[in-house]
Amino acid sequence: MNAAVTGAVNVLTPCLGICRINRSTQLCEGCHRTAAEVAEWLFYSNEQKQDIMQQLASRDPFIPTVAVTKKSEHD
C-alpha cells in the first residue's frame, strides 16, 4: 500500500547540509535542530518529527535563549 492509501506520512529531514552546532545556542546553524534531534532523527516517530519541524521556524541558532527570572521586590 502507498502513503495515500494508508495515511502514512514520511517526514523528511530538514537538514541543509550546513552541519555546525552553534556554541552559544547549541542549535545547528543549518537546520536549527539540537545535536540530540539530529542524532535521533531516524528513530523519531513521524509525529515527533512533525512537532520538531513546527518548532524550527521559531528557533534562531544565533540568538541564545535567555531564561527569564522574576525580579524580587528588593531589586
PDB file of N, CA and C in Angstrom:
ATOM      1  N   MET A   1       0.839  -1.191   0.000  1.00  0.00           N
ATOM      2  CA  MET A   1       0.000   0.000   0.000  1.00  0.00           C
ATOM      3  C   MET A   1       0.877   1.245   0.000  1.00  0.00           C
ATOM      4  N   ASN A   2       0.387   2.271  -0.641  1.00  0.00           N
ATOM      5  CA  ASN A   2       1.161   3.501  -0.641  1.00  0.00           C
ATOM      6  C   ASN A   2       0.677   4.451   0.450  1.00  0.00           C
ATOM      7  N   ALA A   3       1.368   5.565   0.630  1.00  0.00           N
ATOM      8  CA  ALA A   3       1.062   6.505   1.705  1.00  0.00           C
ATOM      9  C   ALA A   3      -0.353   7.063   1.589  1.00  0.00           C
ATOM     10  N   ALA A   4      -0.831   7.271   0.368  1.00  0.00           N
ATOM     11  CA  ALA A   4      -2.172   7.816   0.184  1.00  0.00           C
ATOM     12  C   ALA A   4      -3.237   6.856   0.699  1.00  0.00           C
ATOM     13  N   VAL A   5      -3.014   5.588   0.560  1.00  0.00           N
ATOM     14  CA  VAL A   5      -3.982   4.589   1.000  1.00  0.00           C
ATOM     15  C   VAL A   5      -3.922   4.383   2.503  1.00  0.00           C
ATOM     16  N   THR A   6      -2.732   4.313   3.055  1.00  0.00           N
ATOM     17  CA  THR A   6      -2.579   4.027   4.476  1.00  0.00           C
ATOM     18  C   THR A   6      -2.668   5.264   5.349  1.00  0.00           C
ATOM     19  N   GLY A   7      -2.493   6.448   4.764  1.00  0.00           N
ATOM     20  CA  GLY A   7      -2.478   7.677   5.537  1.00  0.00           C
ATOM     21  C   GLY A   7      -1.115   7.935   6.162  1.00  0.00           C
ATOM     22  N   ALA A   8      -0.137   7.102   5.853  1.00  0.00           N
ATOM     23  CA  ALA A   8       1.199   7.263   6.414  1.00  0.00           C
ATOM     24  C   ALA A   8       1.891   8.468   5.787  1.00  0.00           C
ATOM     25  N   VAL A   9       2.655   9.156   6.596  1.00  0.00           N
ATOM     26  CA  VAL A   9       3.407  10.315   6.128  1.00  0.00           C
ATOM     27  C   VAL A   9       4.848  10.123   6.555  1.00  0.00           C
ATOM     28  N   ASN A  10       5.749  10.275   5.626  1.00  0.00           N
ATOM     29  CA  ASN A  10       7.165  10.228   5.960  1.00  0.00           C
ATOM     30  C   ASN A  10       7.684  11.651   6.004  1.00  0.00           C
ATOM     31  N   VAL A  11       8.089  12.092   7.185  1.00  0.00           N
ATOM     32  CA  VAL A  11       8.592  13.441   7.359  1.00  0.00           C
ATOM     33  C   VAL A  11      10.069  13.440   6.983  1.00  0.00           C
ATOM     34  N   LEU A  12      10.427  14.257   6.015  1.00  0.00           N
ATOM     35  CA  LEU A  12      11.801  14.339   5.556  1.00  0.00           C
ATOM     36  C   LEU A  12      12.647  15.149   6.529  1.00  0.00           C
ATOM     37  N   THR A  13      13.928  14.935   6.488  1.00  0.00           N
ATOM     38  CA  THR A  13      14.853  15.680   7.338  1.00  0.00           C
ATOM     39  C   THR A  13      14.923  17.142   6.906  1.00  0.00           C
ATOM     40  N   PRO A  14      15.043  18.059   7.855  1.00  0.00           N
ATOM     41  CA  PRO A  14      15.210  19.468   7.499  1.00  0.00           C
ATOM     42  C   PRO A  14      16.669  19.833   7.234  1.00  0.00           C
ATOM     43  N   CYS A  15      17.554  18.841   7.202  1.00  0.00           N
ATOM     44  CA  CYS A  15      18.985  19.077   7.020  1.00  0.00           C
ATOM     45  C   CYS A  15      19.255  19.838   5.721  1.00  0.00           C
ATOM     46  N   LEU A  16      20.106  20.873   5.837  1.00  0.00           N
ATOM     47  CA  LEU A  16      20.500  21.669   4.674  1.00  0.00           C
ATOM     48  C   LEU A  16      21.942  21.402   4.276  1.00  0.00           C
ATOM     49  N   GLY A  17      22.599  20.497   5.002  1.00  0.00           N
ATOM     50  CA  GLY A  17      23.989  20.196   4.715  1.00  0.00           C
ATOM     51  C   GLY A  17      24.964  21.182   5.343  1.00  0.00           C
ATOM     52  N   ILE A  18      24.460  22.070   6.199  1.00  0.00           N
ATOM     53  CA  ILE A  18      25.308  23.009   6.938  1.00  0.00           C
ATOM     54  C   ILE A  18      25.308  22.515   8.379  1.00  0.00           C
ATOM     55  N   CYS A  19      26.104  21.525   8.636  1.00  0.00           N
ATOM     56  CA  CYS A  19      26.070  20.839   9.930  1.00  0.00           C
ATOM     57  C   CYS A  19      27.117  21.421  10.868  1.00  0.00           C
ATOM     58  N   ARG A  20      26.694  22.464  11.589  1.00  0.00           N
ATOM     59  CA  ARG A  20      27.603  23.138  12.511  1.00  0.00           C
ATOM     60  C   ARG A  20      26.778  23.574  13.722  1.00  0.00           C
ATOM     61  N   ILE A  21      27.152  23.068  14.919  1.00  0.00           N
ATOM     62  CA  ILE A  21      26.435  23.420  16.140  1.00  0.00           C
ATOM     63  C   ILE A  21      26.987  24.729  16.689  1.00  0.00           C
ATOM     64  N   ASN A  22      26.110  25.702  16.875  1.00  0.00           N
ATOM     65  CA  ASN A  22      26.487  26.999  17.434  1.00  0.00           C
ATOM     66  C   ASN A  22      26.769  26.814  18.919  1.00  0.00           C
ATOM     67  N   ARG A  23      27.916  27.277  19.389  1.00  0.00           N
ATOM     68  CA  ARG A  23      28.306  27.081  20.786  1.00  0.00           C
ATOM     69  C   ARG A  23      27.389  27.799  21.763  1.00  0.00           C
ATOM     70  N   SER A  24      26.879  28.959  21.396  1.00  0.00           N
ATOM     71  CA  SER A  24      26.017  29.735  22.298  1.00  0.00           C
ATOM     72  C   SER A  24      24.626  29.134  22.443  1.00  0.00           C
ATOM     73  N   THR A  25      24.069  28.713  21.338  1.00  0.00           N
ATOM     74  CA  THR A  25      22.671  28.253  21.352  1.00  0.00           C
ATOM     75  C   THR A  25      22.531  26.747  21.391  1.00  0.00           C
ATOM     76  N   GLN A  26      23.596  26.034  21.018  1.00  0.00           N
ATOM     77  CA  GLN A  26      23.567  24.569  20.917  1.00  0.00           C
ATOM     78  C   GLN A  26      22.588  24.088  19.847  1.00  0.00           C
ATOM     79  N   LEU A  27      22.351  24.934  18.820  1.00  0.00           N
ATOM     80  CA  LEU A  27      21.494  24.574  17.695  1.00  0.00           C
ATOM     81  C   LEU A  27      22.340  24.506  16.431  1.00  0.00           C
ATOM     82  N   CYS A  28      21.953  23.629  15.526  1.00  0.00           N
ATOM     83  CA  CYS A  28      22.619  23.545  14.230  1.00  0.00           C
ATOM     84  C   CYS A  28      22.348  24.841  13.462  1.00  0.00           C
ATOM     85  N   GLU A  29      23.389  25.421  12.897  1.00  0.00           N
ATOM     86  CA  GLU A  29      23.237  26.672  12.158  1.00  0.00           C
ATOM     87  C   GLU A  29      22.522  26.481  10.828  1.00  0.00           C
ATOM     88  N   GLY A  30      22.433  25.248  10.352  1.00  0.00           N
ATOM     89  CA  GLY A  30      21.736  24.976   9.098  1.00  0.00           C
ATOM     90  C   GLY A  30      20.257  24.688   9.298  1.00  0.00           C
ATOM     91  N   CYS A  31      19.950  23.676  10.105  1.00  0.00           N
ATOM     92  CA  CYS A  31      18.560  23.224  10.232  1.00  0.00           C
ATOM     93  C   CYS A  31      17.881  23.650  11.525  1.00  0.00           C
ATOM     94  N   HIS A  32      18.621  24.218  12.453  1.00  0.00           N
ATOM     95  CA  HIS A  32      18.118  24.747  13.724  1.00  0.00           C
ATOM     96  C   HIS A  32      17.726  23.662  14.726  1.00  0.00           C
ATOM     97  N   ARG A  33      18.121  22.413  14.465  1.00  0.00           N
ATOM     98  CA  ARG A  33      17.841  21.348  15.428  1.00  0.00           C
ATOM     99  C   ARG A  33      18.959  21.267  16.455  1.00  0.00           C
ATOM    100  N   THR A  34      18.651  20.659  17.611  1.00  0.00           N
ATOM    101  CA  THR A  34      19.679  20.383  18.602  1.00  0.00           C
ATOM    102  C   THR A  34      20.509  19.203  18.114  1.00  0.00           C
ATOM    103  N   ALA A  35      21.674  19.021  18.710  1.00  0.00           N
ATOM    104  CA  ALA A  35      22.516  17.885  18.338  1.00  0.00           C
ATOM    105  C   ALA A  35      21.785  16.572  18.604  1.00  0.00           C
ATOM    106  N   ALA A  36      21.042  16.514  19.700  1.00  0.00           N
ATOM    107  CA  ALA A  36      20.287  15.294  20.023  1.00  0.00           C
ATOM    108  C   ALA A  36      19.210  15.025  18.981  1.00  0.00           C
ATOM    109  N   GLU A  37      18.521  16.074  18.522  1.00  0.00           N
ATOM    110  CA  GLU A  37      17.492  15.904  17.493  1.00  0.00           C
ATOM    111  C   GLU A  37      18.097  15.418  16.185  1.00  0.00           C
ATOM    112  N   VAL A  38      19.263  15.926  15.843  1.00  0.00           N
ATOM    113  CA  VAL A  38      19.943  15.488  14.619  1.00  0.00           C
ATOM    114  C   VAL A  38      20.305  14.009  14.742  1.00  0.00           C
ATOM    115  N   ALA A  39      20.900  13.645  15.876  1.00  0.00           N
ATOM    116  CA  ALA A  39      21.362  12.268  16.073  1.00  0.00           C
ATOM    117  C   ALA A  39      20.217  11.263  16.136  1.00  0.00           C
ATOM    118  N   GLU A  40      19.093  11.660  16.681  1.00  0.00           N
ATOM    119  CA  GLU A  40      17.977  10.735  16.888  1.00  0.00           C
ATOM    120  C   GLU A  40      16.903  10.792  15.806  1.00  0.00           C
ATOM    121  N   TRP A  41      17.064  11.661  14.822  1.00  0.00           N
ATOM    122  CA  TRP A  41      16.021  11.915  13.817  1.00  0.00           C
ATOM    123  C   TRP A  41      15.448  10.634  13.205  1.00  0.00           C
ATOM    124  N   LEU A  42      16.299   9.711  12.826  1.00  0.00           N
ATOM    125  CA  LEU A  42      15.841   8.481  12.170  1.00  0.00           C
ATOM    126  C   LEU A  42      14.995   7.605  13.090  1.00  0.00           C
ATOM    127  N   PHE A  43      15.112   7.804  14.385  1.00  0.00           N
ATOM    128  CA  PHE A  43      14.400   6.973  15.346  1.00  0.00           C
ATOM    129  C   PHE A  43      13.106   7.610  15.849  1.00  0.00           C
ATOM    130  N   TYR A  44      12.875   8.876  15.530  1.00  0.00           N
ATOM    131  CA  TYR A  44      11.658   9.557  15.961  1.00  0.00           C
ATOM    132  C   TYR A  44      10.459   9.081  15.152  1.00  0.00           C
ATOM    133  N   SER A  45       9.299   9.116  15.782  1.00  0.00           N
ATOM    134  CA  SER A  45       8.064   8.834  15.056  1.00  0.00           C
ATOM    135  C   SER A  45       7.761  10.026  14.150  1.00  0.00           C
ATOM    136  N   ASN A  46       6.884   9.828  13.185  1.00  0.00           N
ATOM    137  CA  ASN A  46       6.504  10.942  12.308  1.00  0.00           C
ATOM    138  C   ASN A  46       5.874  12.073  13.105  1.00  0.00           C
ATOM    139  N   GLU A  47       5.133  11.737  14.151  1.00  0.00           N
ATOM    140  CA  GLU A  47       4.519  12.765  14.994  1.00  0.00           C
ATOM    141  C   GLU A  47       5.594  13.602  15.694  1.00  0.00           C
ATOM    142  N   GLN A  48       6.623  12.946  16.213  1.00  0.00           N
ATOM    143  CA  GLN A  48       7.717  13.664  16.856  1.00  0.00           C
ATOM    144  C   GLN A  48       8.438  14.561  15.852  1.00  0.00           C
ATOM    145  N   LYS A  49       8.663  14.046  14.655  1.00  0.00           N
ATOM    146  CA  LYS A  49       9.322  14.829  13.613  1.00  0.00           C
ATOM    147  C   LYS A  49       8.495  16.048  13.237  1.00  0.00           C
ATOM    148  N   GLN A  50       7.192  15.875  13.110  1.00  0.00           N
ATOM    149  CA  GLN A  50       6.318  16.993  12.764  1.00  0.00           C
ATOM    150  C   GLN A  50       6.331  18.056  13.860  1.00  0.00           C
ATOM    151  N   ASP A  51       6.348  17.619  15.125  1.00  0.00           N
ATOM    152  CA  ASP A  51       6.418  18.566  16.236  1.00  0.00           C
ATOM    153  C   ASP A  51       7.694  19.398  16.159  1.00  0.00           C
ATOM    154  N   ILE A  52       8.810  18.744  15.893  1.00  0.00           N
ATOM    155  CA  ILE A  52      10.092  19.444  15.783  1.00  0.00           C
ATOM    156  C   ILE A  52      10.072  20.392  14.590  1.00  0.00           C
ATOM    157  N   MET A  53       9.566  19.927  13.459  1.00  0.00           N
ATOM    158  CA  MET A  53       9.509  20.764  12.253  1.00  0.00           C
ATOM    159  C   MET A  53       8.729  22.049  12.526  1.00  0.00           C
ATOM    160  N   GLN A  54       7.651  21.962  13.296  1.00  0.00           N
ATOM    161  CA  GLN A  54       6.856  23.153  13.611  1.00  0.00           C
ATOM    162  C   GLN A  54       7.622  24.123  14.501  1.00  0.00           C
ATOM    163  N   GLN A  55       8.510  23.611  15.332  1.00  0.00           N
ATOM    164  CA  GLN A  55       9.297  24.461  16.230  1.00  0.00           C
ATOM    165  C   GLN A  55      10.456  25.153  15.530  1.00  0.00           C
ATOM    166  N   LEU A  56      10.947  24.585  14.446  1.00  0.00           N
ATOM    167  CA  LEU A  56      12.166  25.078  13.801  1.00  0.00           C
ATOM    168  C   LEU A  56      12.065  26.526  13.335  1.00  0.00           C
ATOM    169  N   ALA A  57      10.916  26.936  12.856  1.00  0.00           N
ATOM    170  CA  ALA A  57      10.762  28.300  12.341  1.00  0.00           C
ATOM    171  C   ALA A  57      10.984  29.347  13.424  1.00  0.00           C
ATOM    172  N   SER A  58      10.688  29.003  14.673  1.00  0.00           N
ATOM    173  CA  SER A  58      10.839  29.976  15.750  1.00  0.00           C
ATOM    174  C   SER A  58      12.213  29.913  16.421  1.00  0.00           C
ATOM    175  N   ARG A  59      13.050  28.989  16.001  1.00  0.00           N
ATOM    176  CA  ARG A  59      14.394  28.865  16.571  1.00  0.00           C
ATOM    177  C   ARG A  59      15.393  29.665  15.753  1.00  0.00           C
ATOM    178  N   ASP A  60      16.263  30.380  16.449  1.00  0.00           N
ATOM    179  CA  ASP A  60      17.336  31.107  15.777  1.00  0.00           C
ATOM    180  C   ASP A  60      18.656  30.620  16.350  1.00  0.00           C
ATOM    181  N   PRO A  61      19.473  29.966  15.537  1.00  0.00           N
ATOM    182  CA  PRO A  61      20.714  29.398  16.060  1.00  0.00           C
ATOM    183  C   PRO A  61      21.752  30.444  16.463  1.00  0.00           C
ATOM    184  N   PHE A  62      21.495  31.717  16.207  1.00  0.00           N
ATOM    185  CA  PHE A  62      22.470  32.750  16.533  1.00  0.00           C
ATOM    186  C   PHE A  62      22.060  33.611  17.721  1.00  0.00           C
ATOM    187  N   ILE A  63      20.856  33.404  18.248  1.00  0.00           N
ATOM    188  CA  ILE A  63      20.389  34.175  19.404  1.00  0.00           C
ATOM    189  C   ILE A  63      20.160  33.225  20.566  1.00  0.00           C
ATOM    190  N   PRO A  64      21.026  33.301  21.582  1.00  0.00           N
ATOM    191  CA  PRO A  64      20.845  32.414  22.736  1.00  0.00           C
ATOM    192  C   PRO A  64      19.527  32.702  23.449  1.00  0.00           C
ATOM    193  N   THR A  65      18.879  31.657  23.896  1.00  0.00           N
ATOM    194  CA  THR A  65      17.652  31.800  24.663  1.00  0.00           C
ATOM    195  C   THR A  65      18.045  32.101  26.100  1.00  0.00           C
ATOM    196  N   VAL A  66      17.506  33.171  26.627  1.00  0.00           N
ATOM    197  CA  VAL A  66      17.821  33.570  27.996  1.00  0.00           C
ATOM    198  C   VAL A  66      16.618  33.267  28.866  1.00  0.00           C
ATOM    199  N   ALA A  67      16.861  32.583  29.963  1.00  0.00           N
ATOM    200  CA  ALA A  67      15.779  32.283  30.899  1.00  0.00           C
ATOM    201  C   ALA A  67      15.338  33.577  31.574  1.00  0.00           C
ATOM    202  N   VAL A  68      14.051  33.797  31.617  1.00  0.00           N
ATOM    203  CA  VAL A  68      13.505  34.990  32.255  1.00  0.00           C
ATOM    204  C   VAL A  68      13.219  34.647  33.700  1.00  0.00           C
ATOM    205  N   THR A  69      13.752  35.452  34.597  1.00  0.00           N
ATOM    206  CA  THR A  69      13.505  35.233  36.007  1.00  0.00           C
ATOM    207  C   THR A  69      12.789  36.429  36.578  1.00  0.00           C
ATOM    208  N   LYS A  70      11.926  36.184  37.541  1.00  0.00           N
ATOM    209  CA  LYS A  70      11.168  37.247  38.179  1.00  0.00           C
ATOM    210  C   LYS A  70      12.071  37.969  39.151  1.00  0.00           C
ATOM    211  N   LYS A  71      12.092  39.297  39.072  1.00  0.00           N
ATOM    212  CA  LYS A  71      12.911  40.078  39.996  1.00  0.00           C
ATOM    213  C   LYS A  71      12.236  40.113  41.357  1.00  0.00           C
ATOM    214  N   SER A  72      13.052  40.162  42.371  1.00  0.00           N
ATOM    215  CA  SER A  72      12.495  40.271  43.719  1.00  0.00           C
ATOM    216  C   SER A  72      12.095  41.728  43.958  1.00  0.00           C
ATOM    217  N   GLU A  73      11.329  41.974  45.001  1.00  0.00           N
ATOM    218  CA  GLU A  73      10.866  43.326  45.292  1.00  0.00           C
ATOM    219  C   GLU A  73      12.014  44.235  45.689  1.00  0.00           C
ATOM    220  N   HIS A  74      13.149  43.663  46.086  1.00  0.00           N
ATOM    221  CA  HIS A  74      14.282  44.461  46.548  1.00  0.00           C
ATOM    222  C   HIS A  74      15.238  44.849  45.436  1.00  0.00           C
ATOM    223  N   ASP A  75      15.041  44.375  44.232  1.00  0.00           N
ATOM    224  CA  ASP A  75      15.930  44.702  43.112  1.00  0.00           C
ATOM    225  C   ASP A  75      15.597  46.042  42.518  1.00  0.00           C
TER     226      ASP A  75
END
